[in-house]
Structure formats: structure tokens, C-alpha cells
Amino acid sequence: MKQKVLITGGAGFIGARLVERLLNNGLEVYVLDVMPLEKAYRLKKVSSHKDFFYTQGDLRDKDQLINWYKKDATHLYHLASVVGVQNYMSDPLSLIDIVVVGTRNLLELASKYDTRVLFTSTSEIYAKNPNTPWSENDDRVLGPTSIDRWSYSSSKAVCEHMLFALFRSSNLKFTIVRFFNVYGPGQAPIFVVSKSLYQVLNNESPYLYDTGEQTRCFTYVDDAIEGMIIASKSQKAIGEVFNIGSNIERTMKNAIDLIIKVSGKNIDIKKFETVKEYGEKYEDIPRRIPNVSKAKEILKWEATTSLEEGIRASIEWCEENSWWLK
């Protein structure tokens, strides 16, 4: 019998590429996502695969989860979440319900059936800790609870607490990966690289948020997936947290300039003032840099795709998938 794996959020940007990768590895893949399969464009290539099984459902509905869950699955990749600053600022209550309540429901089943869990967390965990680069055990420094921006960080952190608690109380096998600015083909155009690509390829001026001097470490999606899969298999990774990201720091302006250059377009940048557009619910993070030495030492993993290579691959994908530009 083939090994069975479960993926929540499998219709999403990272999830869909993970589905394709695991199918190519000869596994049976069972996906749960709120999106109807006919609208899951990223899964079009694998939708008729004999080892691909898709269920439309909501993590908050326990009955749907129970019906979908395979008790003989060896691994659960939990990616389902609300993503994008604008999305979790516009409805923080739904974010908290989906991330916290949904994950609690899921972990009850994983604990019951002894499924190994790979939980995808976020660099937002560290919030605005000024002491970069961030190591996995560094302090979390958040703004006030009146700032909706921090609801995502807090929700993911609660889930991490759940995992450690279940590990200690019932020996649930888990690994946490904290992604740092993952980008690549098919990502929703609501993030720095994907939104700028979307605007430039549609002959629109890309937005430069405030000064553009904020820095990020951009991680190509296939590198992130490789790190995730290695972490999910490693015995040394059980009960551990890993930063998964590039450690090459770039300003937002530099990234946008590179997108314009690689695209070959002659387009000017347009200023975007976050205070004016988002109001007091928003607070930015000036620098976001991971210490990736733990992943290098234990997982033997590191990001290898340069930002220019990743942008070129993303543009090529966009040319073959015109639906994304619409």
C-alpha cells in the first residue's frame, strides 16, 4: 500500500506545489481546502491524478474534519491559514477562528491517530524584535493588541504553544517551520514580490510602500518546500522549530527595481503610504532576517535560488498561466 499524507490548504500557493511534489514522490495525497476544486487553478495539472484526493471543507467544522481525516496517514502538512496583511487586518476574528480553533480541531485528530505533524508558521512570530538575525528561541516583541497587524503573529504563536503542549503531554510528533517571505509562481498578488510582478506584467506602476528601505529575505517557493519535506522526515527535527528562509537581506525598493529590470519593462514606481491607506491598524516591520544555522546544521538545508532566478522563473510561469494576470 502507498504511503498516505494529509495536506490542509493544499489549493494555496505553497500547498499546491507541495501536492505536486509529493505525488511525484509516489505518495497518496489527501487535501482539505475551503476552495472548490474547480476554482483551484494551481491544482489543475494534478486534479485527475489517481493518487490525488480532494475535499472542500473548513477546519472549524469538526464533522468535516473527521470525515476527511485518514487515520492511517503517516504525515499531516498543516498549511491552511489566512494570509496577507490586508486580509488579516480586515477580519481578525475570522483569522483567529481559522488559525487557532481550526488547528486545535486538527491536532486532536493528529494526537488520536499518532500522525506526524508539520506545522507551517511564520517569521511574523518574531514581530518587531530589533535584534536581527532572529534565532528560533529569540524573544517575541509585539505591538499593542489594538493593532490588528499582530493578530496573525499571536494566532500562529498560540498554535505553536499547542504543539509543544501536546508533545509534552501525549508525545505528539511535530515539527514547526517558520517561513521567511516565500515567493514564486502562482502566489496571490498581495505580497511584495507577487504584487509587484502582477502590476509590472500588467503594465502598471508597482507600489513602493513608504520609504522602501524596509528589508526582507526573499525565499523561493521550491527551496521552502524542500526544507519543509526534509524537516517532516528528520527524526532529529521532532519537537523542534526551524527558520526556513534565505539569509540574503534586500530592501523592498531593491526587490521592486529587480522585478522591473528582469521584466524588461520601462515603468516608474508609485508611492504607497501605509498610514494613509491602512490607518492605525497597521504597523510595519523594518527588518526581517532569519538565522538559518539550525536548519543548515540539523536538516542540511539552505536556500539556493537567487532572487533574480526566482523572479525569472515566476515571469515564465505567468506567461504560461494567463489566468493569474487577470
Protein backbone atom coordinates (compact mmCIF):
# COMPACT_ATOMS: atom_id res chain seq x y z
CA MET A 1 0.00 0.00 0.00
CA LYS A 2 1.16 3.54 -0.77
CA GLN A 3 2.03 5.94 1.99
CA LYS A 4 -0.79 8.40 2.69
CA VAL A 5 -0.23 12.05 3.58
CA LEU A 6 -2.68 14.80 4.53
CA ILE A 7 -2.40 18.45 3.48
CA THR A 8 -4.57 21.31 4.68
CA GLY A 9 -4.56 24.39 2.48
CA GLY A 10 -3.49 22.29 -0.49
CA ALA A 11 -5.06 24.63 -3.04
CA GLY A 12 -2.91 27.51 -1.89
CA PHE A 13 0.34 28.80 -3.31
CA ILE A 14 2.74 26.65 -1.27
CA GLY A 15 0.24 23.84 -0.74
CA ALA A 16 -0.37 23.18 -4.43
CA ARG A 17 3.34 22.90 -5.20
CA LEU A 18 3.76 20.60 -2.22
CA VAL A 19 0.90 18.42 -3.52
CA GLU A 20 2.58 18.12 -6.90
CA ARG A 21 5.93 17.31 -5.32
CA LEU A 22 4.53 14.57 -3.06
CA LEU A 23 2.55 12.99 -5.90
CA ASN A 24 5.74 12.88 -7.95
CA ASN A 25 7.33 11.11 -4.98
CA GLY A 26 4.73 8.34 -5.28
CA LEU A 27 2.52 9.18 -2.30
CA GLU A 28 -1.26 9.25 -1.92
CA VAL A 29 -2.19 12.84 -1.16
CA TYR A 30 -5.40 13.88 0.61
CA VAL A 31 -6.14 17.61 0.51
CA LEU A 32 -8.57 19.70 2.54
CA ASP A 33 -9.23 23.28 1.44
CA VAL A 34 -12.13 25.75 1.57
CA MET A 35 -11.78 26.41 -2.15
CA PRO A 36 -13.92 24.37 -4.60
CA LEU A 37 -11.72 22.15 -6.73
CA GLU A 38 -13.00 23.72 -9.96
CA LYS A 39 -11.57 27.07 -8.78
CA ALA A 40 -8.29 25.60 -7.55
CA TYR A 41 -6.35 26.60 -10.66
CA ARG A 42 -2.98 25.77 -9.14
CA LEU A 43 -4.05 22.11 -8.89
CA LYS A 44 -5.22 21.79 -12.47
CA LYS A 45 -2.19 19.71 -13.50
CA VAL A 46 -2.82 17.08 -10.82
CA SER A 47 -6.61 17.16 -10.49
CA SER A 48 -7.05 13.87 -12.38
CA HIS A 49 -4.06 12.10 -10.80
CA LYS A 50 -5.03 8.66 -9.49
CA ASP A 51 -3.38 9.31 -6.10
CA PHE A 52 -4.88 12.78 -5.56
CA PHE A 53 -7.96 13.12 -3.35
CA TYR A 54 -9.58 16.49 -2.72
CA THR A 55 -12.16 17.56 -0.16
CA GLN A 56 -13.69 21.00 0.12
CA GLY A 57 -14.09 21.76 3.81
CA ASP A 58 -13.49 24.07 6.73
CA LEU A 59 -11.10 23.37 9.61
CA ARG A 60 -13.62 24.84 12.04
CA ASP A 61 -16.16 22.12 11.22
CA LYS A 62 -15.25 19.05 13.29
CA ASP A 63 -17.55 16.71 11.36
CA GLN A 64 -15.97 17.67 8.04
CA LEU A 65 -12.51 17.15 9.51
CA ILE A 66 -13.37 13.71 10.87
CA ASN A 67 -14.84 12.61 7.54
CA TRP A 68 -11.75 13.78 5.65
CA TYR A 69 -9.07 12.56 8.05
CA LYS A 70 -7.25 9.30 7.26
CA LYS A 71 -6.24 7.59 10.48
CA ASP A 72 -3.54 5.58 8.67
CA ALA A 73 -1.87 8.66 7.18
CA THR A 74 1.77 8.97 8.23
CA HIS A 75 2.15 12.74 7.89
CA LEU A 76 -0.02 15.84 8.17
CA TYR A 77 1.21 19.04 6.50
CA HIS A 78 -0.83 21.84 8.06
CA LEU A 79 -0.69 24.89 5.80
CA ALA A 80 -4.29 26.17 5.94
CA SER A 81 -4.48 29.74 7.21
CA VAL A 82 -5.46 33.29 6.37
CA VAL A 83 -2.62 35.00 4.53
CA GLY A 84 -1.79 38.58 3.60
CA VAL A 85 -1.62 41.63 5.86
CA GLN A 86 -4.72 43.18 4.30
CA ASN A 87 -6.76 40.02 4.82
CA TYR A 88 -5.99 39.54 8.48
CA MET A 89 -6.35 43.22 9.26
CA SER A 90 -9.77 43.35 7.62
CA ASP A 91 -11.18 40.44 9.65
CA PRO A 92 -9.01 39.47 12.63
CA LEU A 93 -11.84 37.48 14.26
CA SER A 94 -12.07 35.07 11.32
CA LEU A 95 -8.29 34.81 11.28
CA ILE A 96 -8.19 33.79 14.94
CA ASP A 97 -11.00 31.27 14.49
CA ILE A 98 -9.46 29.64 11.43
CA VAL A 99 -5.89 29.51 12.72
CA VAL A 100 -6.45 28.78 16.41
CA VAL A 101 -9.76 26.88 16.53
CA GLY A 102 -9.09 25.08 13.25
CA THR A 103 -5.63 23.97 14.36
CA ARG A 104 -6.95 22.79 17.74
CA ASN A 105 -9.55 20.61 15.98
CA LEU A 106 -6.91 19.19 13.68
CA LEU A 107 -4.40 18.43 16.41
CA GLU A 108 -6.98 16.45 18.37
CA LEU A 109 -7.14 14.03 15.44
CA ALA A 110 -3.39 14.00 14.86
CA SER A 111 -2.83 13.18 18.52
CA LYS A 112 -5.52 10.48 18.50
CA TYR A 113 -4.09 8.71 15.43
CA ASP A 114 -0.40 9.40 16.09
CA THR A 115 0.09 11.33 12.82
CA ARG A 116 3.33 13.22 12.48
CA VAL A 117 2.60 16.95 12.06
CA LEU A 118 4.49 19.54 10.02
CA PHE A 119 3.12 22.94 11.03
CA THR A 120 3.84 25.95 8.84
CA SER A 121 4.35 29.02 10.97
CA THR A 122 5.71 32.42 10.09
CA SER A 123 8.51 34.92 10.53
CA GLU A 124 5.78 37.21 11.92
CA ILE A 125 6.26 35.22 15.15
CA TYR A 126 9.24 37.43 15.98
CA ALA A 127 7.20 40.55 15.21
CA LYS A 128 9.40 43.63 15.64
CA ASN A 129 12.26 42.25 17.70
CA PRO A 130 15.06 44.70 16.75
CA ASN A 131 17.87 42.19 17.31
CA THR A 132 18.33 40.54 13.92
CA PRO A 133 19.07 37.98 12.64
CA TRP A 134 16.40 36.05 14.58
CA SER A 135 17.14 32.63 16.02
CA GLU A 136 14.38 30.16 16.79
CA ASN A 137 14.46 30.80 20.55
CA ASP A 138 14.63 34.59 20.37
CA ASP A 139 12.08 36.73 22.15
CA ARG A 140 8.86 37.83 20.50
CA VAL A 141 8.38 41.61 20.54
CA LEU A 142 4.89 42.63 19.51
CA GLY A 143 2.95 45.85 19.38
CA PRO A 144 -0.27 46.51 21.32
CA THR A 145 -3.37 44.32 20.88
CA SER A 146 -5.20 47.34 19.44
CA ILE A 147 -3.04 46.96 16.30
CA ASP A 148 -4.73 44.29 14.17
CA ARG A 149 -1.44 43.56 12.40
CA TRP A 150 -0.30 41.45 15.35
CA SER A 151 -3.33 39.12 15.35
CA TYR A 152 -1.64 36.83 12.83
CA SER A 153 1.58 36.55 14.83
CA SER A 154 -0.36 35.90 18.03
CA SER A 155 -2.58 33.26 16.42
CA LYS A 156 0.33 31.32 14.97
CA ALA A 157 2.14 31.55 18.31
CA VAL A 158 -0.85 30.05 20.15
CA CYS A 159 -0.72 27.12 17.71
CA GLU A 160 2.97 26.64 18.43
CA HIS A 161 2.16 26.58 22.15
CA MET A 162 -0.47 23.90 21.45
CA LEU A 163 2.06 21.73 19.63
CA PHE A 164 4.62 21.92 22.41
CA ALA A 165 1.93 21.18 24.99
CA LEU A 166 0.73 18.07 23.10
CA PHE A 167 4.32 16.96 22.56
CA ARG A 168 4.92 17.03 26.31
CA SER A 169 1.53 15.61 27.38
CA SER A 170 0.89 12.94 24.73
CA ASN A 171 4.12 12.70 22.72
CA LEU A 172 2.61 14.16 19.55
CA LYS A 173 5.35 14.14 16.93
CA PHE A 174 5.62 17.57 15.33
CA THR A 175 7.98 19.96 13.60
CA ILE A 176 7.43 23.69 13.07
CA VAL A 177 8.85 25.64 10.13
CA ARG A 178 8.77 29.43 10.15
CA PHE A 179 8.78 30.74 6.59
CA PHE A 180 10.50 33.98 5.62
CA ASN A 181 8.89 35.85 2.72
CA VAL A 182 8.28 32.92 0.42
CA TYR A 183 7.51 33.91 -3.19
CA GLY A 184 7.25 32.27 -6.58
CA PRO A 185 4.94 31.17 -9.41
CA GLY A 186 1.24 31.30 -8.62
CA GLN A 187 1.40 33.31 -5.41
CA ALA A 188 -1.62 35.57 -4.83
CA PRO A 189 -0.70 39.12 -5.83
CA ILE A 190 -0.96 40.52 -2.30
CA PHE A 191 2.70 40.23 -1.28
CA VAL A 192 5.74 42.33 -2.15
CA VAL A 193 7.17 40.22 -4.99
CA SER A 194 3.92 38.78 -6.36
CA LYS A 195 2.04 42.07 -6.26
CA SER A 196 4.88 43.94 -7.93
CA LEU A 197 5.11 41.23 -10.60
CA TYR A 198 1.36 41.40 -11.16
CA GLN A 199 1.44 45.17 -11.56
CA VAL A 200 4.54 45.28 -13.79
CA LEU A 201 3.37 42.47 -16.09
CA ASN A 202 0.03 44.26 -16.43
CA ASN A 203 1.94 47.44 -17.38
CA GLU A 204 1.02 49.17 -14.12
CA SER A 205 3.34 51.02 -11.75
CA PRO A 206 4.34 48.83 -8.77
CA TYR A 207 3.72 50.20 -5.29
CA LEU A 208 6.65 51.23 -3.12
CA TYR A 209 5.44 51.01 0.48
CA ASP A 210 6.55 54.09 2.41
CA THR A 211 10.33 54.60 2.04
CA GLY A 212 11.02 51.18 0.53
CA GLU A 213 14.01 50.83 2.85
CA GLN A 214 12.36 48.04 4.85
CA THR A 215 14.37 44.85 4.36
CA ARG A 216 13.31 41.24 3.80
CA CYS A 217 14.95 37.91 2.96
CA PHE A 218 13.03 36.53 -0.02
CA THR A 219 12.79 32.73 -0.27
CA TYR A 220 11.90 30.90 -3.46
CA VAL A 221 8.98 28.52 -3.00
CA ASP A 222 10.76 25.36 -4.18
CA ASP A 223 13.55 25.96 -1.67
CA ALA A 224 10.94 26.37 1.09
CA ILE A 225 9.17 23.14 0.09
CA GLU A 226 12.44 21.23 0.09
CA GLY A 227 13.11 22.44 3.63
CA MET A 228 9.60 21.51 4.70
CA ILE A 229 9.83 17.97 3.37
CA ILE A 230 13.26 17.36 4.88
CA ALA A 231 12.00 18.65 8.24
CA SER A 232 8.93 16.39 8.09
CA LYS A 233 11.12 13.29 7.67
CA SER A 234 14.01 14.00 10.02
CA GLN A 235 13.95 12.24 13.38
CA LYS A 236 16.17 15.00 14.75
CA ALA A 237 13.50 17.55 13.81
CA ILE A 238 10.78 16.10 16.07
CA GLY A 239 9.78 18.66 18.69
CA GLU A 240 11.86 21.37 17.02
CA VAL A 241 11.33 24.72 15.27
CA PHE A 242 13.26 25.83 12.19
CA ASN A 243 13.63 29.10 10.35
CA ILE A 244 13.18 28.33 6.66
CA GLY A 245 14.36 31.23 4.57
CA SER A 246 17.09 32.94 2.65
CA ASN A 247 19.52 34.95 4.76
CA ILE A 248 20.28 37.47 2.00
CA GLU A 249 18.85 40.82 3.07
CA ARG A 250 17.34 43.15 0.45
CA THR A 251 15.38 46.37 0.64
CA MET A 252 11.85 46.42 -0.75
CA LYS A 253 12.94 49.02 -3.28
CA ASN A 254 15.80 46.83 -4.45
CA ALA A 255 13.43 43.89 -4.98
CA ILE A 256 10.97 46.01 -6.98
CA ASP A 257 13.77 47.52 -9.09
CA LEU A 258 14.98 43.99 -9.88
CA ILE A 259 11.48 42.91 -10.96
CA ILE A 260 11.27 45.86 -13.35
CA LYS A 261 14.74 45.09 -14.72
CA VAL A 262 14.12 41.36 -15.26
CA SER A 263 10.72 42.01 -16.86
CA GLY A 264 12.29 44.37 -19.38
CA LYS A 265 9.56 46.95 -18.76
CA ASN A 266 10.01 50.71 -18.64
CA ILE A 267 7.78 51.53 -15.68
CA ASP A 268 8.01 54.01 -12.81
CA ILE A 269 7.38 53.16 -9.17
CA LYS A 270 4.31 54.54 -7.38
CA LYS A 271 4.47 55.61 -3.72
CA PHE A 272 2.10 53.91 -1.26
CA GLU A 273 1.64 55.50 2.17
CA THR A 274 0.54 52.82 4.62
CA VAL A 275 -0.68 55.27 7.30
CA LYS A 276 -2.94 56.95 4.78
CA GLU A 277 -4.23 53.68 3.26
CA TYR A 278 -4.42 51.40 6.32
CA GLY A 279 -4.74 53.80 9.22
CA GLU A 280 -3.63 52.96 12.75
CA LYS A 281 -4.44 49.24 12.41
CA TYR A 282 -1.14 48.72 10.59
CA GLU A 283 2.45 48.70 11.79
CA ASP A 284 5.38 47.67 9.60
CA ILE A 285 8.49 45.68 10.46
CA PRO A 286 11.71 47.49 9.42
CA ARG A 287 13.96 44.38 9.16
CA ARG A 288 13.17 40.67 8.91
CA ILE A 289 16.24 38.41 8.81
CA PRO A 290 16.50 34.77 9.89
CA ASN A 291 19.39 32.97 11.48
CA VAL A 292 19.30 29.75 9.46
CA SER A 293 22.23 27.97 11.09
CA LYS A 294 19.93 25.47 12.85
CA ALA A 295 18.37 24.34 9.56
CA LYS A 296 21.82 24.07 7.99
CA GLU A 297 23.23 22.05 10.87
CA ILE A 298 20.33 19.66 11.59
CA LEU A 299 18.45 19.47 8.27
CA LYS A 300 21.43 20.08 5.98
CA TRP A 301 19.19 22.57 4.18
CA GLU A 302 19.68 26.08 2.87
CA ALA A 303 18.01 28.29 0.27
CA THR A 304 19.94 28.21 -3.01
CA THR A 305 17.78 30.12 -5.50
CA SER A 306 18.74 33.76 -6.03
CA LEU A 307 16.02 36.40 -6.15
CA GLU A 308 16.78 37.10 -9.82
CA GLU A 309 16.47 33.38 -10.70
CA GLY A 310 13.18 33.17 -8.80
CA ILE A 311 11.76 36.26 -10.49
CA ARG A 312 12.69 34.89 -13.93
CA ALA A 313 11.00 31.56 -13.14
CA SER A 314 7.91 33.40 -11.89
CA ILE A 315 7.68 35.51 -15.05
CA GLU A 316 7.99 32.41 -17.25
CA TRP A 317 5.18 30.77 -15.27
CA CYS A 318 2.99 33.88 -15.64
CA GLU A 319 3.42 33.78 -19.42
CA GLU A 320 2.12 30.19 -19.43
CA ASN A 321 -0.74 30.89 -16.98
CA SER A 322 -2.60 33.91 -18.28
CA TRP A 323 -5.44 33.39 -15.76
CA TRP A 324 -3.18 34.67 -12.99
CA LEU A 325 -2.67 38.05 -14.67
CA LYS A 326 -6.43 38.51 -14.91
